[in-house]
Amino acid sequence: MRIVLVSLNQLDKDKRTNRARCRAAIIQAIKRPCDLVIFPEMTLTGFDPSGVTAEDFKKSESLIWFKNLAKSYKKFIIFGLAIKKNKNLFNSLILVSPEGKILKQYNKIHLFKFANENKKLTREKKLHCIEYRDWE
């Protein structure tokens, strides 16, 4: 498996600019053979434990955008997104397939106390594992 790790220079809470930067990173990534592109947590907003930029999982524009990006460039993509589910906020990591399907959503377990992430967000209680093709 070939992985590209993207160190994205995010603009705080500027989804439009960060989408353009993600697309540019994918274009750079496909110049080399790679299977998976990994973006940082809260990819399109920068770190925001307040929940202001959180999106409803079922209506997330960012999730739709990343699913389309994965389909367009035929890459597995992992990205971070602040998610609202019911009355809870999560710092989520999402894996999308080249077909644009969500393969896994993982919510952060160890919340960052110094930024009060642990007071605003809900933590996951267990680790998740995914097997896909010969990956584990």
Protein backbone atom coordinates (compact mmCIF):
# COMPACT_ATOMS: atom_id res chain seq x y z
CA MET A 1 0.00 0.00 0.00
CA ARG A 2 1.29 3.47 -0.87
CA ILE A 3 0.19 6.32 1.38
CA VAL A 4 0.42 10.08 0.93
CA LEU A 5 0.29 12.11 4.15
CA VAL A 6 -0.82 15.68 3.58
CA SER A 7 0.45 18.41 5.87
CA LEU A 8 -2.24 20.89 4.97
CA ASN A 9 -1.73 24.58 5.66
CA GLN A 10 -5.35 25.11 6.74
CA LEU A 11 -7.00 28.48 6.99
CA ASP A 12 -9.05 28.67 10.17
CA LYS A 13 -12.75 27.97 9.46
CA ASP A 14 -12.34 28.68 5.72
CA LYS A 15 -13.81 25.61 4.04
CA ARG A 16 -13.67 27.05 0.53
CA THR A 17 -9.92 27.76 0.62
CA ASN A 18 -9.19 24.48 2.39
CA ARG A 19 -11.15 22.53 -0.25
CA ALA A 20 -8.99 24.11 -2.95
CA ARG A 21 -5.86 23.16 -0.98
CA CYS A 22 -7.11 19.57 -0.58
CA ARG A 23 -7.80 19.29 -4.31
CA ALA A 24 -4.31 20.63 -5.07
CA ALA A 25 -2.83 18.08 -2.67
CA ILE A 26 -4.71 15.24 -4.40
CA ILE A 27 -3.45 16.44 -7.78
CA GLN A 28 0.11 16.35 -6.41
CA ALA A 29 -0.50 12.92 -4.85
CA ILE A 30 -1.66 11.29 -8.10
CA LYS A 31 1.59 12.24 -9.83
CA ARG A 32 3.03 9.29 -7.92
CA PRO A 33 1.37 5.93 -7.53
CA CYS A 34 -0.58 5.95 -4.27
CA ASP A 35 -3.56 4.15 -2.81
CA LEU A 36 -4.49 6.31 0.14
CA VAL A 37 -4.35 10.05 0.87
CA ILE A 38 -4.53 11.10 4.52
CA PHE A 39 -5.48 14.62 5.56
CA PRO A 40 -5.23 16.10 9.10
CA GLU A 41 -7.99 16.26 11.71
CA MET A 42 -10.77 18.76 11.07
CA THR A 43 -9.41 19.06 7.55
CA LEU A 44 -11.57 21.85 6.17
CA THR A 45 -11.82 24.01 9.28
CA GLY A 46 -8.64 23.65 11.26
CA PHE A 47 -8.81 22.57 14.88
CA ASP A 48 -12.10 23.79 16.35
CA PRO A 49 -13.17 22.10 19.60
CA SER A 50 -15.98 24.64 20.06
CA GLY A 51 -18.29 22.78 17.68
CA VAL A 52 -19.05 25.95 15.69
CA THR A 53 -17.95 24.30 12.44
CA ALA A 54 -19.50 20.88 13.20
CA GLU A 55 -21.80 19.42 10.56
CA ASP A 56 -24.76 17.08 10.86
CA PHE A 57 -23.51 13.68 9.69
CA LYS A 58 -26.59 13.00 7.54
CA LYS A 59 -26.46 16.40 5.78
CA SER A 60 -22.73 17.09 5.73
CA GLU A 61 -21.65 19.10 2.68
CA SER A 62 -18.02 18.35 3.52
CA LEU A 63 -18.67 14.62 3.59
CA ILE A 64 -20.37 14.79 0.18
CA TRP A 65 -17.46 16.85 -1.15
CA PHE A 66 -14.85 14.32 0.02
CA LYS A 67 -16.88 11.39 -1.34
CA ASN A 68 -16.94 13.13 -4.74
CA LEU A 69 -13.22 13.93 -4.50
CA ALA A 70 -12.43 10.26 -3.83
CA LYS A 71 -14.56 9.20 -6.82
CA SER A 72 -13.07 11.83 -9.13
CA TYR A 73 -9.47 10.88 -8.40
CA LYS A 74 -10.11 7.19 -7.64
CA LYS A 75 -8.28 7.28 -4.30
CA PHE A 76 -9.00 6.19 -0.77
CA ILE A 77 -9.15 9.31 1.37
CA ILE A 78 -9.01 9.76 5.12
CA PHE A 79 -10.03 13.15 6.42
CA GLY A 80 -11.15 14.79 9.64
CA LEU A 81 -14.47 16.44 10.30
CA ALA A 82 -16.31 17.83 13.31
CA ILE A 83 -19.62 15.94 13.38
CA LYS A 84 -22.94 16.51 15.15
CA LYS A 85 -24.94 13.37 15.93
CA ASN A 86 -28.04 13.77 18.06
CA LYS A 87 -26.88 16.24 20.71
CA ASN A 88 -23.25 15.10 20.70
CA LEU A 89 -20.22 16.62 18.96
CA PHE A 90 -17.38 14.42 17.73
CA ASN A 91 -13.93 14.94 16.26
CA SER A 92 -14.26 12.30 13.55
CA LEU A 93 -11.93 10.58 11.15
CA ILE A 94 -13.63 9.23 8.02
CA LEU A 95 -12.34 6.75 5.44
CA VAL A 96 -13.89 7.02 1.97
CA SER A 97 -13.34 4.53 -0.87
CA PRO A 98 -12.51 5.38 -4.51
CA GLU A 99 -16.17 4.60 -5.21
CA GLY A 100 -17.20 7.37 -2.82
CA LYS A 101 -18.48 5.08 -0.08
CA ILE A 102 -17.86 5.60 3.61
CA LEU A 103 -15.91 2.59 4.82
CA LYS A 104 -15.42 3.73 8.42
CA GLN A 105 -16.09 6.63 10.73
CA TYR A 106 -13.98 6.80 13.87
CA ASN A 107 -14.48 9.33 16.65
CA LYS A 108 -11.46 10.50 18.62
CA ILE A 109 -10.87 8.69 21.93
CA HIS A 110 -8.23 10.86 23.59
CA LEU A 111 -9.56 14.39 23.56
CA PHE A 112 -7.11 17.28 23.95
CA LYS A 113 -7.61 18.66 27.47
CA PHE A 114 -5.42 21.75 27.05
CA ALA A 115 -7.76 23.06 24.35
CA ASN A 116 -10.86 22.01 26.34
CA GLU A 117 -11.76 19.52 23.62
CA ASN A 118 -12.73 17.10 26.41
CA LYS A 119 -15.35 19.57 27.71
CA LYS A 120 -17.03 20.27 24.37
CA LEU A 121 -16.76 17.01 22.43
CA THR A 122 -17.87 13.45 23.08
CA ARG A 123 -15.18 10.81 23.11
CA GLU A 124 -15.31 7.40 21.49
CA LYS A 125 -15.07 4.52 23.91
CA LYS A 126 -13.44 1.84 21.74
CA LEU A 127 -10.92 1.39 18.97
CA HIS A 128 -12.04 0.45 15.48
CA CYS A 129 -10.31 -1.73 12.95
CA ILE A 130 -11.05 -2.16 9.29
CA GLU A 131 -9.99 -4.89 6.91
CA TYR A 132 -10.11 -4.00 3.27
CA ARG A 133 -8.49 -6.02 0.51
CA ASP A 134 -5.18 -7.04 2.04
CA TRP A 135 -5.08 -4.05 4.41
CA GLU A 136 -5.69 -4.33 8.10
